[in-house]
Amino acid sequence: MKMTSTTRFFAILLMGTLTMACSKDGDIGPQGEQGIQGQQGPAGPQGEVGPEGAQGEQGPAGAEGEQGQPGTANVIYSDWITSPFTFDPNTVLGWNSFIIAPGLTEDIKENGAVLVYGKSAGDVVYQLPAVIFGRNQSYSSRPGSSYNLRLIVESIDSGVIGQPLLLIEFRYLLIPGGIPESGKSAPVDYTKFSYEEIAERFNIPD
């Protein structure tokens, strides 16, 4: 069908208008308000615990610690006790008396150590048994019945003691059995220690 001149005119005009509308950008509008943040939903249920992982390799052994001090919790020692001897040394060859040792149990008698020390007026300490040749005196001790410690003094020769007793105070030390020496399984022979070594080892005050 043939277009009339009027129809062709309006078609050209319409195309020009559309071309102008598409070639011109419009101004950017203002930014809109931020929307309201939604509420957080409820937490989901906790998942099941996963299986235990394989055990890791054992780490290297640490350095060995220093040797500790010997324990003293079960060691019993007395104060210095005034001598129980009250006899006249000019009239007897020997005498025995007793001091009470409440911690002296049958187990300590059989398996432990019972140490007894005597001290002179000059603060010289002797471990019993002790022989004092200059005084013609021999001192010893042994556990008695019950909780008694028997102290014995005798002349060295066959005559009377004849001189004042040298030892005027006594002290005992009770050590339970089963306290091994460091690095050894056998019990210690405490009779081989001096009084000073025993006092330092077990923290015994003078």
Protein backbone atom coordinates (compact mmCIF):
# COMPACT_ATOMS: atom_id res chain seq x y z
CA MET A 1 0.00 0.00 0.00
CA LYS A 2 1.38 3.43 -0.85
CA MET A 3 1.86 5.97 1.95
CA THR A 4 0.41 9.40 1.45
CA SER A 5 2.56 12.42 1.96
CA THR A 6 0.73 13.26 5.20
CA THR A 7 1.31 9.82 6.64
CA ARG A 8 4.99 9.93 5.70
CA PHE A 9 5.37 13.28 7.39
CA PHE A 10 3.97 12.09 10.72
CA ALA A 11 6.11 8.97 10.62
CA ILE A 12 9.30 11.02 10.16
CA LEU A 13 8.24 13.35 12.97
CA LEU A 14 7.59 10.43 15.35
CA MET A 15 11.00 8.87 14.66
CA GLY A 16 12.77 12.15 15.31
CA THR A 17 11.00 12.65 18.61
CA LEU A 18 11.92 9.15 19.81
CA THR A 19 15.53 9.70 18.77
CA MET A 20 15.79 12.89 20.81
CA ALA A 21 14.16 11.27 23.85
CA CYS A 22 16.64 8.38 23.86
CA SER A 23 19.75 10.55 23.36
CA LYS A 24 19.14 12.79 26.42
CA ASP A 25 19.94 11.31 29.91
CA GLY A 26 17.74 12.39 32.78
CA ASP A 27 19.06 13.87 36.10
CA ILE A 28 19.97 11.35 38.93
CA GLY A 29 17.28 11.33 41.55
CA PRO A 30 17.88 11.65 45.36
CA GLN A 31 19.01 8.49 47.33
CA GLY A 32 16.18 6.69 48.98
CA GLU A 33 15.99 6.06 52.77
CA GLN A 34 17.66 2.91 54.14
CA GLY A 35 15.24 0.16 54.84
CA ILE A 36 14.59 -1.22 58.36
CA GLN A 37 16.98 -4.05 59.32
CA GLY A 38 15.21 -7.29 59.85
CA GLN A 39 15.37 -9.16 63.20
CA GLN A 40 17.89 -12.00 63.62
CA GLY A 41 16.34 -15.39 63.43
CA PRO A 42 16.55 -17.93 66.29
CA ALA A 43 19.77 -19.97 66.65
CA GLY A 44 19.63 -23.42 65.18
CA PRO A 45 20.09 -26.56 67.31
CA GLN A 46 23.67 -27.49 68.38
CA GLY A 47 25.24 -30.10 66.19
CA GLU A 48 26.44 -33.44 67.52
CA VAL A 49 29.98 -33.78 68.93
CA GLY A 50 32.31 -35.22 66.39
CA PRO A 51 34.34 -38.42 67.02
CA GLU A 52 37.53 -38.14 69.16
CA GLY A 53 40.64 -37.63 67.14
CA ALA A 54 43.62 -39.99 67.18
CA GLN A 55 46.04 -39.61 70.12
CA GLY A 56 49.13 -37.59 69.29
CA GLU A 57 52.66 -38.88 69.65
CA GLN A 58 54.25 -38.76 73.10
CA GLY A 59 56.53 -35.79 73.59
CA PRO A 60 60.18 -36.10 74.71
CA ALA A 61 60.88 -36.72 78.41
CA GLY A 62 61.59 -33.61 80.46
CA ALA A 63 64.79 -32.98 82.38
CA GLU A 64 65.09 -34.78 85.73
CA GLY A 65 64.34 -32.57 88.72
CA GLU A 66 66.71 -31.96 91.62
CA GLN A 67 66.90 -34.48 94.45
CA GLY A 68 64.56 -33.46 97.27
CA GLN A 69 65.44 -33.38 100.94
CA PRO A 70 64.70 -36.47 103.07
CA GLY A 71 61.25 -36.43 104.55
CA THR A 72 60.89 -35.69 108.26
CA ALA A 73 57.13 -36.04 108.73
CA ASN A 74 57.36 -39.39 110.54
CA VAL A 75 60.65 -38.85 112.39
CA ILE A 76 60.27 -38.29 116.14
CA TYR A 77 62.87 -36.62 118.32
CA SER A 78 62.86 -35.43 121.91
CA ASP A 79 64.18 -32.31 123.55
CA TRP A 80 67.32 -32.64 125.62
CA ILE A 81 66.23 -34.50 128.77
CA THR A 82 68.00 -34.10 132.09
CA SER A 83 69.87 -37.27 133.04
CA PRO A 84 67.71 -39.68 135.04
CA PHE A 85 70.80 -41.05 136.86
CA THR A 86 70.73 -40.01 140.53
CA PHE A 87 73.03 -42.60 142.15
CA ASP A 88 76.42 -42.06 143.78
CA PRO A 89 79.11 -43.14 141.25
CA ASN A 90 81.51 -43.77 144.11
CA THR A 91 79.46 -46.72 145.32
CA VAL A 92 78.36 -48.67 142.21
CA LEU A 93 79.90 -50.39 139.22
CA GLY A 94 76.94 -49.61 136.98
CA TRP A 95 73.37 -48.39 136.91
CA ASN A 96 70.39 -48.27 134.58
CA SER A 97 67.44 -45.95 134.40
CA PHE A 98 64.63 -45.09 131.98
CA ILE A 99 63.26 -42.21 129.94
CA ILE A 100 59.81 -42.24 128.36
CA ALA A 101 59.62 -42.22 124.55
CA PRO A 102 55.89 -42.07 123.60
CA GLY A 103 56.53 -42.65 119.87
CA LEU A 104 58.56 -45.81 120.38
CA THR A 105 56.37 -48.42 118.68
CA GLU A 106 57.07 -52.08 118.10
CA ASP A 107 57.40 -51.42 114.37
CA ILE A 108 60.17 -48.87 114.97
CA LYS A 109 61.90 -51.27 117.36
CA GLU A 110 61.90 -54.05 114.78
CA ASN A 111 62.20 -52.19 111.46
CA GLY A 112 63.32 -48.64 112.20
CA ALA A 113 66.18 -46.91 113.97
CA VAL A 114 66.41 -45.77 117.60
CA LEU A 115 69.23 -43.28 118.11
CA VAL A 116 70.19 -41.96 121.54
CA TYR A 117 72.64 -39.14 122.22
CA GLY A 118 74.19 -37.84 125.42
CA LYS A 119 75.57 -34.35 126.01
CA SER A 120 78.21 -33.18 128.48
CA ALA A 121 78.23 -29.94 130.47
CA GLY A 122 80.55 -28.59 127.77
CA ASP A 123 77.91 -29.27 125.05
CA VAL A 124 79.91 -32.13 123.54
CA VAL A 125 77.47 -34.67 122.05
CA TYR A 126 78.15 -38.42 122.05
CA GLN A 127 76.15 -41.05 120.24
CA LEU A 128 75.39 -44.07 122.39
CA PRO A 129 77.02 -46.50 122.86
CA ALA A 130 79.94 -44.34 123.96
CA VAL A 131 83.00 -45.19 126.01
CA ILE A 132 84.59 -42.33 127.98
CA PHE A 133 88.01 -43.65 129.00
CA GLY A 134 89.02 -40.52 130.89
CA ARG A 135 85.98 -40.90 133.16
CA ASN A 136 85.91 -44.72 133.42
CA GLN A 137 82.36 -44.64 132.04
CA SER A 138 80.56 -46.59 129.35
CA TYR A 139 77.09 -45.45 128.19
CA SER A 140 74.59 -47.49 126.19
CA SER A 141 70.85 -47.67 125.55
CA ARG A 142 68.26 -50.17 124.45
CA PRO A 143 64.48 -50.13 123.99
CA GLY A 144 62.67 -51.33 127.10
CA SER A 145 59.14 -52.55 127.60
CA SER A 146 56.19 -50.39 126.58
CA TYR A 147 57.45 -46.92 125.59
CA ASN A 148 60.57 -46.94 127.77
CA LEU A 149 64.14 -46.35 126.69
CA ARG A 150 66.66 -47.95 129.01
CA LEU A 151 69.86 -45.94 129.68
CA ILE A 152 72.83 -47.80 131.12
CA VAL A 153 76.09 -46.50 132.54
CA GLU A 154 78.91 -48.80 133.72
CA SER A 155 82.52 -48.57 134.78
CA ILE A 156 85.08 -49.66 132.21
CA ASP A 157 87.19 -51.58 134.70
CA SER A 158 86.03 -53.94 137.41
CA GLY A 159 85.74 -51.27 140.10
CA VAL A 160 83.22 -48.58 140.88
CA ILE A 161 82.72 -45.70 138.46
CA GLY A 162 84.33 -43.40 140.98
CA GLN A 163 83.86 -40.09 139.11
CA PRO A 164 80.96 -37.72 138.40
CA LEU A 165 79.01 -38.71 135.31
CA LEU A 166 80.12 -36.91 132.17
CA LEU A 167 76.80 -36.98 130.28
CA ILE A 168 74.15 -34.86 131.94
CA GLU A 169 71.47 -34.69 129.20
CA PHE A 170 70.05 -37.21 126.75
CA ARG A 171 68.02 -37.03 123.53
CA TYR A 172 66.45 -39.77 121.41
CA LEU A 173 65.56 -39.92 117.73
CA LEU A 174 63.04 -42.44 116.34
CA ILE A 175 63.13 -43.14 112.60
CA PRO A 176 60.52 -45.48 111.05
CA GLY A 177 61.70 -48.19 108.71
CA GLY A 178 61.43 -47.96 104.93
CA ILE A 179 63.16 -44.61 104.40
CA PRO A 180 65.66 -45.51 101.62
CA GLU A 181 68.86 -43.72 100.82
CA SER A 182 68.81 -41.60 97.65
CA GLY A 183 69.28 -43.85 94.62
CA LYS A 184 69.25 -47.07 96.67
CA SER A 185 66.51 -49.41 97.79
CA ALA A 186 68.22 -50.49 101.03
CA PRO A 187 67.47 -48.55 104.26
CA VAL A 188 70.08 -46.16 105.56
CA ASP A 189 72.32 -47.12 108.49
CA TYR A 190 71.87 -43.94 110.50
CA THR A 191 74.29 -45.08 113.21
CA LYS A 192 77.12 -44.21 110.82
CA PHE A 193 76.11 -40.53 110.74
CA SER A 194 77.47 -38.00 113.20
CA TYR A 195 75.03 -36.09 115.38
CA GLU A 196 75.61 -32.96 113.29
CA GLU A 197 74.80 -34.85 110.09
CA ILE A 198 71.63 -36.32 111.59
CA ALA A 199 70.51 -32.90 112.88
CA GLU A 200 71.03 -31.32 109.46
CA ARG A 201 69.44 -34.21 107.58
CA PHE A 202 66.23 -34.13 109.63
CA ASN A 203 66.16 -30.41 110.49
CA ILE A 204 66.50 -31.01 114.23
CA PRO A 205 67.03 -27.83 116.26
CA ASP A 206 69.56 -27.91 119.06
